[in-house]
């Protein structure tokens, strides 16, 4: 995760402290291709999470009694925080 933050900061010449992580679950094929073409995200497959699960109906991660559960495909994007956007 840290390497993706560092790569984004270096690509855009942003400070690490100005970045926040945004997750998009189940991106469409078009969204995946756009992220790859524009180098605007990292497509992650096969990730799992402990003591939580992805709720398909609410489209969010929630606590669970399960030891672990699989997560859907994600587009991880490091974006400038709102305060950083206003400075720039």
PDB file of N, CA and C in Angstrom:
ATOM      1  N   UNK A   1       0.822  -1.186   0.000  1.00  0.00           N
ATOM      2  CA  UNK A   1       0.000   0.000   0.000  1.00  0.00           C
ATOM      3  C   UNK A   1       0.869   1.254   0.000  1.00  0.00           C
ATOM      4  N   UNK A   2       1.913   1.242   0.795  1.00  0.00           N
ATOM      5  CA  UNK A   2       2.789   2.409   0.868  1.00  0.00           C
ATOM      6  C   UNK A   2       3.460   2.651  -0.480  1.00  0.00           C
ATOM      7  N   UNK A   3       3.836   1.588  -1.165  1.00  0.00           N
ATOM      8  CA  UNK A   3       4.474   1.748  -2.473  1.00  0.00           C
ATOM      9  C   UNK A   3       3.530   2.406  -3.479  1.00  0.00           C
ATOM     10  N   UNK A   4       2.235   2.098  -3.415  1.00  0.00           N
ATOM     11  CA  UNK A   4       1.287   2.740  -4.334  1.00  0.00           C
ATOM     12  C   UNK A   4       1.163   4.227  -4.017  1.00  0.00           C
ATOM     13  N   UNK A   5       1.199   4.583  -2.734  1.00  0.00           N
ATOM     14  CA  UNK A   5       1.147   5.987  -2.343  1.00  0.00           C
ATOM     15  C   UNK A   5       2.396   6.715  -2.836  1.00  0.00           C
ATOM     16  N   UNK A   6       3.543   6.102  -2.652  1.00  0.00           N
ATOM     17  CA  UNK A   6       4.797   6.720  -3.078  1.00  0.00           C
ATOM     18  C   UNK A   6       4.855   6.881  -4.591  1.00  0.00           C
ATOM     19  N   UNK A   7       4.388   5.878  -5.318  1.00  0.00           N
ATOM     20  CA  UNK A   7       4.390   5.951  -6.786  1.00  0.00           C
ATOM     21  C   UNK A   7       3.486   7.078  -7.280  1.00  0.00           C
ATOM     22  N   UNK A   8       2.321   7.231  -6.658  1.00  0.00           N
ATOM     23  CA  UNK A   8       1.391   8.300  -7.050  1.00  0.00           C
ATOM     24  C   UNK A   8       1.976   9.666  -6.736  1.00  0.00           C
ATOM     25  N   UNK A   9       2.547   9.814  -5.556  1.00  0.00           N
ATOM     26  CA  UNK A   9       3.144  11.090  -5.170  1.00  0.00           C
ATOM     27  C   UNK A   9       4.268  11.474  -6.129  1.00  0.00           C
ATOM     28  N   UNK A  10       5.084  10.505  -6.484  1.00  0.00           N
ATOM     29  CA  UNK A  10       6.191  10.774  -7.402  1.00  0.00           C
ATOM     30  C   UNK A  10       5.679  11.104  -8.800  1.00  0.00           C
ATOM     31  N   UNK A  11       4.695  10.374  -9.282  1.00  0.00           N
ATOM     32  CA  UNK A  11       4.137  10.595 -10.623  1.00  0.00           C
ATOM     33  C   UNK A  11       3.581  12.009 -10.779  1.00  0.00           C
ATOM     34  N   UNK A  12       2.908  12.508  -9.729  1.00  0.00           N
ATOM     35  CA  UNK A  12       2.235  13.814  -9.800  1.00  0.00           C
ATOM     36  C   UNK A  12       2.989  14.935  -9.084  1.00  0.00           C
ATOM     37  N   UNK A  13       4.140  14.580  -8.481  1.00  0.00           N
ATOM     38  CA  UNK A  13       4.936  15.541  -7.709  1.00  0.00           C
ATOM     39  C   UNK A  13       4.130  16.138  -6.559  1.00  0.00           C
ATOM     40  N   UNK A  14       3.404  15.257  -5.845  1.00  0.00           N
ATOM     41  CA  UNK A  14       2.614  15.634  -4.682  1.00  0.00           C
ATOM     42  C   UNK A  14       3.331  15.169  -3.425  1.00  0.00           C
ATOM     43  N   UNK A  15       3.031  15.810  -2.313  1.00  0.00           N
ATOM     44  CA  UNK A  15       3.555  15.405  -1.020  1.00  0.00           C
ATOM     45  C   UNK A  15       2.755  14.210  -0.502  1.00  0.00           C
ATOM     46  N   UNK A  16       3.419  13.271   0.141  1.00  0.00           N
ATOM     47  CA  UNK A  16       2.732  12.112   0.718  1.00  0.00           C
ATOM     48  C   UNK A  16       1.667  12.531   1.728  1.00  0.00           C
ATOM     49  N   UNK A  17       1.946  13.588   2.481  1.00  0.00           N
ATOM     50  CA  UNK A  17       1.023  14.043   3.530  1.00  0.00           C
ATOM     51  C   UNK A  17      -0.266  14.623   2.960  1.00  0.00           C
ATOM     52  N   UNK A  18      -0.280  14.975   1.684  1.00  0.00           N
ATOM     53  CA  UNK A  18      -1.455  15.572   1.055  1.00  0.00           C
ATOM     54  C   UNK A  18      -2.405  14.540   0.445  1.00  0.00           C
ATOM     55  N   UNK A  19      -2.031  13.264   0.503  1.00  0.00           N
ATOM     56  CA  UNK A  19      -2.797  12.230  -0.180  1.00  0.00           C
ATOM     57  C   UNK A  19      -3.722  11.465   0.750  1.00  0.00           C
ATOM     58  N   UNK A  20      -4.873  11.079   0.212  1.00  0.00           N
ATOM     59  CA  UNK A  20      -5.784  10.178   0.906  1.00  0.00           C
ATOM     60  C   UNK A  20      -6.175   9.062  -0.056  1.00  0.00           C
ATOM     61  N   UNK A  21      -6.504   7.904   0.515  1.00  0.00           N
ATOM     62  CA  UNK A  21      -6.801   6.723  -0.283  1.00  0.00           C
ATOM     63  C   UNK A  21      -8.291   6.614  -0.554  1.00  0.00           C
ATOM     64  N   UNK A  22      -8.610   6.364  -1.804  1.00  0.00           N
ATOM     65  CA  UNK A  22     -10.004   6.182  -2.233  1.00  0.00           C
ATOM     66  C   UNK A  22     -10.110   4.779  -2.837  1.00  0.00           C
ATOM     67  N   UNK A  23     -11.131   4.018  -2.432  1.00  0.00           N
ATOM     68  CA  UNK A  23     -11.394   2.682  -2.956  1.00  0.00           C
ATOM     69  C   UNK A  23     -12.650   2.717  -3.811  1.00  0.00           C
ATOM     70  N   UNK A  24     -12.594   2.134  -4.983  1.00  0.00           N
ATOM     71  CA  UNK A  24     -13.794   1.908  -5.787  1.00  0.00           C
ATOM     72  C   UNK A  24     -13.927   0.400  -5.945  1.00  0.00           C
ATOM     73  N   UNK A  25     -14.993  -0.167  -5.383  1.00  0.00           N
ATOM     74  CA  UNK A  25     -15.213  -1.604  -5.466  1.00  0.00           C
ATOM     75  C   UNK A  25     -15.950  -1.954  -6.751  1.00  0.00           C
ATOM     76  N   UNK A  26     -15.631  -3.095  -7.312  1.00  0.00           N
ATOM     77  CA  UNK A  26     -16.263  -3.614  -8.529  1.00  0.00           C
ATOM     78  C   UNK A  26     -16.268  -2.602  -9.677  1.00  0.00           C
ATOM     79  N   UNK A  27     -15.095  -2.068 -10.040  1.00  0.00           N
ATOM     80  CA  UNK A  27     -15.081  -1.117 -11.147  1.00  0.00           C
ATOM     81  C   UNK A  27     -15.472  -1.808 -12.460  1.00  0.00           C
ATOM     82  N   UNK A  28     -16.103  -1.056 -13.347  1.00  0.00           N
ATOM     83  CA  UNK A  28     -16.472  -1.598 -14.653  1.00  0.00           C
ATOM     84  C   UNK A  28     -15.207  -1.785 -15.496  1.00  0.00           C
ATOM     85  N   UNK A  29     -15.324  -2.528 -16.584  1.00  0.00           N
ATOM     86  CA  UNK A  29     -14.183  -2.725 -17.483  1.00  0.00           C
ATOM     87  C   UNK A  29     -13.676  -1.383 -18.009  1.00  0.00           C
ATOM     88  N   UNK A  30     -14.604  -0.456 -18.279  1.00  0.00           N
ATOM     89  CA  UNK A  30     -14.222   0.870 -18.771  1.00  0.00           C
ATOM     90  C   UNK A  30     -13.445   1.643 -17.703  1.00  0.00           C
ATOM     91  N   UNK A  31     -13.888   1.552 -16.442  1.00  0.00           N
ATOM     92  CA  UNK A  31     -13.199   2.237 -15.351  1.00  0.00           C
ATOM     93  C   UNK A  31     -11.804   1.646 -15.132  1.00  0.00           C
ATOM     94  N   UNK A  32     -11.694   0.343 -15.261  1.00  0.00           N
ATOM     95  CA  UNK A  32     -10.393  -0.318 -15.126  1.00  0.00           C
ATOM     96  C   UNK A  32      -9.460   0.150 -16.239  1.00  0.00           C
ATOM     97  N   UNK A  33      -9.945   0.158 -17.462  1.00  0.00           N
ATOM     98  CA  UNK A  33      -9.109   0.576 -18.588  1.00  0.00           C
ATOM     99  C   UNK A  33      -8.691   2.033 -18.453  1.00  0.00           C
ATOM    100  N   UNK A  34      -9.600   2.886 -18.008  1.00  0.00           N
ATOM    101  CA  UNK A  34      -9.288   4.308 -17.814  1.00  0.00           C
ATOM    102  C   UNK A  34      -8.193   4.473 -16.758  1.00  0.00           C
ATOM    103  N   UNK A  35      -8.315   3.743 -15.641  1.00  0.00           N
ATOM    104  CA  UNK A  35      -7.308   3.814 -14.583  1.00  0.00           C
ATOM    105  C   UNK A  35      -5.942   3.385 -15.097  1.00  0.00           C
ATOM    106  N   UNK A  36      -5.922   2.347 -15.918  1.00  0.00           N
ATOM    107  CA  UNK A  36      -4.659   1.857 -16.475  1.00  0.00           C
ATOM    108  C   UNK A  36      -4.095   2.830 -17.497  1.00  0.00           C
ATOM    109  N   UNK A  37      -4.923   3.321 -18.393  1.00  0.00           N
ATOM    110  CA  UNK A  37      -4.473   4.239 -19.437  1.00  0.00           C
ATOM    111  C   UNK A  37      -3.964   5.559 -18.867  1.00  0.00           C
ATOM    112  N   UNK A  38      -4.677   6.080 -17.881  1.00  0.00           N
ATOM    113  CA  UNK A  38      -4.331   7.384 -17.316  1.00  0.00           C
ATOM    114  C   UNK A  38      -3.414   7.285 -16.094  1.00  0.00           C
ATOM    115  N   UNK A  39      -3.038   6.067 -15.740  1.00  0.00           N
ATOM    116  CA  UNK A  39      -2.204   5.840 -14.549  1.00  0.00           C
ATOM    117  C   UNK A  39      -2.813   6.540 -13.333  1.00  0.00           C
ATOM    118  N   UNK A  40      -4.129   6.398 -13.192  1.00  0.00           N
ATOM    119  CA  UNK A  40      -4.829   7.089 -12.116  1.00  0.00           C
ATOM    120  C   UNK A  40      -5.244   6.167 -10.979  1.00  0.00           C
ATOM    121  N   UNK A  41      -4.871   4.909 -11.041  1.00  0.00           N
ATOM    122  CA  UNK A  41      -5.251   3.987  -9.983  1.00  0.00           C
ATOM    123  C   UNK A  41      -4.499   2.678 -10.089  1.00  0.00           C
ATOM    124  N   UNK A  42      -4.731   1.834  -9.110  1.00  0.00           N
ATOM    125  CA  UNK A  42      -4.122   0.511  -9.042  1.00  0.00           C
ATOM    126  C   UNK A  42      -5.247  -0.502  -8.931  1.00  0.00           C
ATOM    127  N   UNK A  43      -5.329  -1.415  -9.873  1.00  0.00           N
ATOM    128  CA  UNK A  43      -6.368  -2.432  -9.882  1.00  0.00           C
ATOM    129  C   UNK A  43      -5.880  -3.614  -9.047  1.00  0.00           C
ATOM    130  N   UNK A  44      -6.671  -3.977  -8.041  1.00  0.00           N
ATOM    131  CA  UNK A  44      -6.283  -5.025  -7.100  1.00  0.00           C
ATOM    132  C   UNK A  44      -7.306  -6.159  -7.178  1.00  0.00           C
ATOM    133  N   UNK A  45      -6.800  -7.380  -7.389  1.00  0.00           N
ATOM    134  CA  UNK A  45      -7.633  -8.590  -7.432  1.00  0.00           C
ATOM    135  C   UNK A  45      -7.176  -9.534  -6.319  1.00  0.00           C
ATOM    136  N   UNK A  46      -8.100 -10.285  -5.753  1.00  0.00           N
ATOM    137  CA  UNK A  46      -7.743 -11.360  -4.832  1.00  0.00           C
ATOM    138  C   UNK A  46      -7.354 -10.920  -3.431  1.00  0.00           C
ATOM    139  N   UNK A  47      -7.735  -9.745  -3.031  1.00  0.00           N
ATOM    140  CA  UNK A  47      -7.413  -9.283  -1.683  1.00  0.00           C
ATOM    141  C   UNK A  47      -8.462  -9.807  -0.696  1.00  0.00           C
ATOM    142  N   UNK A  48      -8.036 -10.054   0.524  1.00  0.00           N
ATOM    143  CA  UNK A  48      -8.980 -10.485   1.562  1.00  0.00           C
ATOM    144  C   UNK A  48      -8.821  -9.571   2.776  1.00  0.00           C
ATOM    145  N   UNK A  49      -9.793  -9.649   3.672  1.00  0.00           N
ATOM    146  CA  UNK A  49      -9.804  -8.799   4.855  1.00  0.00           C
ATOM    147  C   UNK A  49     -10.171  -9.665   6.060  1.00  0.00           C
ATOM    148  N   UNK A  50      -9.613  -9.336   7.207  1.00  0.00           N
ATOM    149  CA  UNK A  50      -9.872 -10.090   8.426  1.00  0.00           C
ATOM    150  C   UNK A  50     -10.942  -9.403   9.276  1.00  0.00           C
ATOM    151  N   UNK A  51     -11.822 -10.204   9.865  1.00  0.00           N
ATOM    152  CA  UNK A  51     -12.872  -9.747  10.789  1.00  0.00           C
ATOM    153  C   UNK A  51     -13.823  -8.727  10.174  1.00  0.00           C
ATOM    154  N   UNK A  52     -13.946  -8.768   8.858  1.00  0.00           N
ATOM    155  CA  UNK A  52     -14.860  -7.872   8.152  1.00  0.00           C
ATOM    156  C   UNK A  52     -15.239  -8.529   6.828  1.00  0.00           C
ATOM    157  N   UNK A  53     -16.231  -7.937   6.158  1.00  0.00           N
ATOM    158  CA  UNK A  53     -16.640  -8.443   4.855  1.00  0.00           C
ATOM    159  C   UNK A  53     -17.223  -7.307   4.021  1.00  0.00           C
ATOM    160  N   UNK A  54     -17.217  -7.489   2.720  1.00  0.00           N
ATOM    161  CA  UNK A  54     -17.803  -6.514   1.809  1.00  0.00           C
ATOM    162  C   UNK A  54     -19.290  -6.791   1.687  1.00  0.00           C
ATOM    163  N   UNK A  55     -20.105  -5.787   1.966  1.00  0.00           N
ATOM    164  CA  UNK A  55     -21.559  -5.895   1.851  1.00  0.00           C
ATOM    165  C   UNK A  55     -21.957  -5.431   0.452  1.00  0.00           C
ATOM    166  N   UNK A  56     -22.397  -6.357  -0.389  1.00  0.00           N
ATOM    167  CA  UNK A  56     -22.744  -6.061  -1.776  1.00  0.00           C
ATOM    168  C   UNK A  56     -23.904  -5.078  -1.864  1.00  0.00           C
ATOM    169  N   UNK A  57     -24.895  -5.218  -0.996  1.00  0.00           N
ATOM    170  CA  UNK A  57     -26.065  -4.341  -1.032  1.00  0.00           C
ATOM    171  C   UNK A  57     -25.736  -2.908  -0.638  1.00  0.00           C
ATOM    172  N   UNK A  58     -24.965  -2.741   0.444  1.00  0.00           N
ATOM    173  CA  UNK A  58     -24.614  -1.406   0.925  1.00  0.00           C
ATOM    174  C   UNK A  58     -23.349  -0.854   0.267  1.00  0.00           C
ATOM    175  N   UNK A  59     -22.638  -1.707  -0.473  1.00  0.00           N
ATOM    176  CA  UNK A  59     -21.396  -1.324  -1.160  1.00  0.00           C
ATOM    177  C   UNK A  59     -20.384  -0.723  -0.187  1.00  0.00           C
ATOM    178  N   UNK A  60     -20.169  -1.464   0.919  1.00  0.00           N
ATOM    179  CA  UNK A  60     -19.219  -0.997   1.920  1.00  0.00           C
ATOM    180  C   UNK A  60     -18.649  -2.193   2.676  1.00  0.00           C
ATOM    181  N   UNK A  61     -17.590  -1.963   3.396  1.00  0.00           N
ATOM    182  CA  UNK A  61     -17.001  -2.974   4.261  1.00  0.00           C
ATOM    183  C   UNK A  61     -17.634  -2.823   5.638  1.00  0.00           C
ATOM    184  N   UNK A  62     -18.005  -3.968   6.230  1.00  0.00           N
ATOM    185  CA  UNK A  62     -18.600  -3.937   7.571  1.00  0.00           C
ATOM    186  C   UNK A  62     -17.943  -4.999   8.438  1.00  0.00           C
ATOM    187  N   UNK A  63     -18.019  -4.809   9.736  1.00  0.00           N
ATOM    188  CA  UNK A  63     -17.478  -5.786  10.676  1.00  0.00           C
ATOM    189  C   UNK A  63     -18.212  -7.110  10.526  1.00  0.00           C
ATOM    190  N   UNK A  64     -17.498  -8.193  10.807  1.00  0.00           N
ATOM    191  CA  UNK A  64     -18.078  -9.519  10.659  1.00  0.00           C
ATOM    192  C   UNK A  64     -17.454 -10.460  11.681  1.00  0.00           C
ATOM    193  N   UNK A  65     -18.173 -11.513  11.998  1.00  0.00           N
ATOM    194  CA  UNK A  65     -17.622 -12.527  12.888  1.00  0.00           C
ATOM    195  C   UNK A  65     -16.758 -13.532  12.118  1.00  0.00           C
ATOM    196  N   UNK A  66     -16.748 -13.422  10.793  1.00  0.00           N
ATOM    197  CA  UNK A  66     -15.910 -14.306   9.975  1.00  0.00           C
ATOM    198  C   UNK A  66     -14.436 -14.015  10.243  1.00  0.00           C
ATOM    199  N   UNK A  67     -13.632 -15.061  10.214  1.00  0.00           N
ATOM    200  CA  UNK A  67     -12.194 -14.892  10.409  1.00  0.00           C
ATOM    201  C   UNK A  67     -11.611 -14.041   9.278  1.00  0.00           C
ATOM    202  N   UNK A  68     -12.039 -14.310   8.057  1.00  0.00           N
ATOM    203  CA  UNK A  68     -11.604 -13.528   6.890  1.00  0.00           C
ATOM    204  C   UNK A  68     -12.636 -13.665   5.781  1.00  0.00           C
ATOM    205  N   UNK A  69     -12.606 -12.745   4.831  1.00  0.00           N
ATOM    206  CA  UNK A  69     -13.468 -12.852   3.656  1.00  0.00           C
ATOM    207  C   UNK A  69     -12.784 -12.169   2.473  1.00  0.00           C
ATOM    208  N   UNK A  70     -13.166 -12.601   1.289  1.00  0.00           N
ATOM    209  CA  UNK A  70     -12.596 -12.050   0.061  1.00  0.00           C
ATOM    210  C   UNK A  70     -13.225 -10.697  -0.250  1.00  0.00           C
ATOM    211  N   UNK A  71     -12.440  -9.843  -0.866  1.00  0.00           N
ATOM    212  CA  UNK A  71     -12.934  -8.553  -1.328  1.00  0.00           C
ATOM    213  C   UNK A  71     -13.076  -8.595  -2.847  1.00  0.00           C
ATOM    214  N   UNK A  72     -13.998  -7.819  -3.387  1.00  0.00           N
ATOM    215  CA  UNK A  72     -14.124  -7.769  -4.850  1.00  0.00           C
ATOM    216  C   UNK A  72     -12.952  -7.001  -5.462  1.00  0.00           C
ATOM    217  N   UNK A  73     -12.858  -7.027  -6.764  1.00  0.00           N
ATOM    218  CA  UNK A  73     -11.848  -6.241  -7.466  1.00  0.00           C
ATOM    219  C   UNK A  73     -11.998  -4.780  -7.040  1.00  0.00           C
ATOM    220  N   UNK A  74     -10.855  -4.115  -6.857  1.00  0.00           N
ATOM    221  CA  UNK A  74     -10.868  -2.723  -6.401  1.00  0.00           C
ATOM    222  C   UNK A  74      -9.978  -1.866  -7.283  1.00  0.00           C
ATOM    223  N   UNK A  75     -10.347  -0.610  -7.383  1.00  0.00           N
ATOM    224  CA  UNK A  75      -9.485   0.406  -7.967  1.00  0.00           C
ATOM    225  C   UNK A  75      -9.048   1.291  -6.808  1.00  0.00           C
ATOM    226  N   UNK A  76      -7.767   1.193  -6.441  1.00  0.00           N
ATOM    227  CA  UNK A  76      -7.206   2.018  -5.375  1.00  0.00           C
ATOM    228  C   UNK A  76      -6.670   3.293  -6.003  1.00  0.00           C
ATOM    229  N   UNK A  77      -7.080   4.427  -5.489  1.00  0.00           N
ATOM    230  CA  UNK A  77      -6.605   5.699  -6.015  1.00  0.00           C
ATOM    231  C   UNK A  77      -6.152   6.595  -4.868  1.00  0.00           C
ATOM    232  N   UNK A  78      -4.962   7.139  -5.001  1.00  0.00           N
ATOM    233  CA  UNK A  78      -4.478   8.149  -4.070  1.00  0.00           C
ATOM    234  C   UNK A  78      -4.827   9.498  -4.675  1.00  0.00           C
ATOM    235  N   UNK A  79      -5.585  10.294  -3.940  1.00  0.00           N
ATOM    236  CA  UNK A  79      -6.031  11.603  -4.424  1.00  0.00           C
ATOM    237  C   UNK A  79      -5.618  12.671  -3.413  1.00  0.00           C
ATOM    238  N   UNK A  80      -5.558  13.919  -3.882  1.00  0.00           N
ATOM    239  CA  UNK A  80      -5.243  15.018  -2.976  1.00  0.00           C
ATOM    240  C   UNK A  80      -6.386  15.237  -2.008  1.00  0.00           C
ATOM    241  N   UNK A  81      -6.057  15.454  -0.741  1.00  0.00           N
ATOM    242  CA  UNK A  81      -7.081  15.779   0.255  1.00  0.00           C
ATOM    243  C   UNK A  81      -7.719  17.119  -0.114  1.00  0.00           C
ATOM    244  N   UNK A  82      -8.931  17.342   0.334  1.00  0.00           N
ATOM    245  CA  UNK A  82      -9.636  18.582   0.015  1.00  0.00           C
ATOM    246  C   UNK A  82      -8.839  19.814   0.389  1.00  0.00           C
ATOM    247  N   UNK A  83      -8.222  19.828   1.560  1.00  0.00           N
ATOM    248  CA  UNK A  83      -7.429  20.966   1.985  1.00  0.00           C
ATOM    249  C   UNK A  83      -6.237  21.211   1.078  1.00  0.00           C
ATOM    250  N   UNK A  84      -5.621  20.132   0.592  1.00  0.00           N
ATOM    251  CA  UNK A  84      -4.481  20.250  -0.305  1.00  0.00           C
ATOM    252  C   UNK A  84      -4.907  20.803  -1.658  1.00  0.00           C
ATOM    253  N   UNK A  85      -6.105  20.434  -2.105  1.00  0.00           N
ATOM    254  CA  UNK A  85      -6.614  20.933  -3.386  1.00  0.00           C
ATOM    255  C   UNK A  85      -6.804  22.441  -3.327  1.00  0.00           C
ATOM    256  N   UNK A  86      -7.262  22.941  -2.182  1.00  0.00           N
ATOM    257  CA  UNK A  86      -7.509  24.367  -2.039  1.00  0.00           C
ATOM    258  C   UNK A  86      -6.210  25.164  -2.013  1.00  0.00           C
ATOM    259  N   UNK A  87      -5.134  24.574  -1.492  1.00  0.00           N
ATOM    260  CA  UNK A  87      -3.836  25.257  -1.456  1.00  0.00           C
ATOM    261  C   UNK A  87      -3.253  25.437  -2.854  1.00  0.00           C
ATOM    262  N   UNK A  88      -3.462  24.379  -3.702  1.00  0.00           N
ATOM    263  CA  UNK A  88      -2.830  24.334  -5.009  1.00  0.00           C
ATOM    264  C   UNK A  88      -3.497  25.130  -6.015  1.00  0.00           C
TER     265      UNK A  88
END
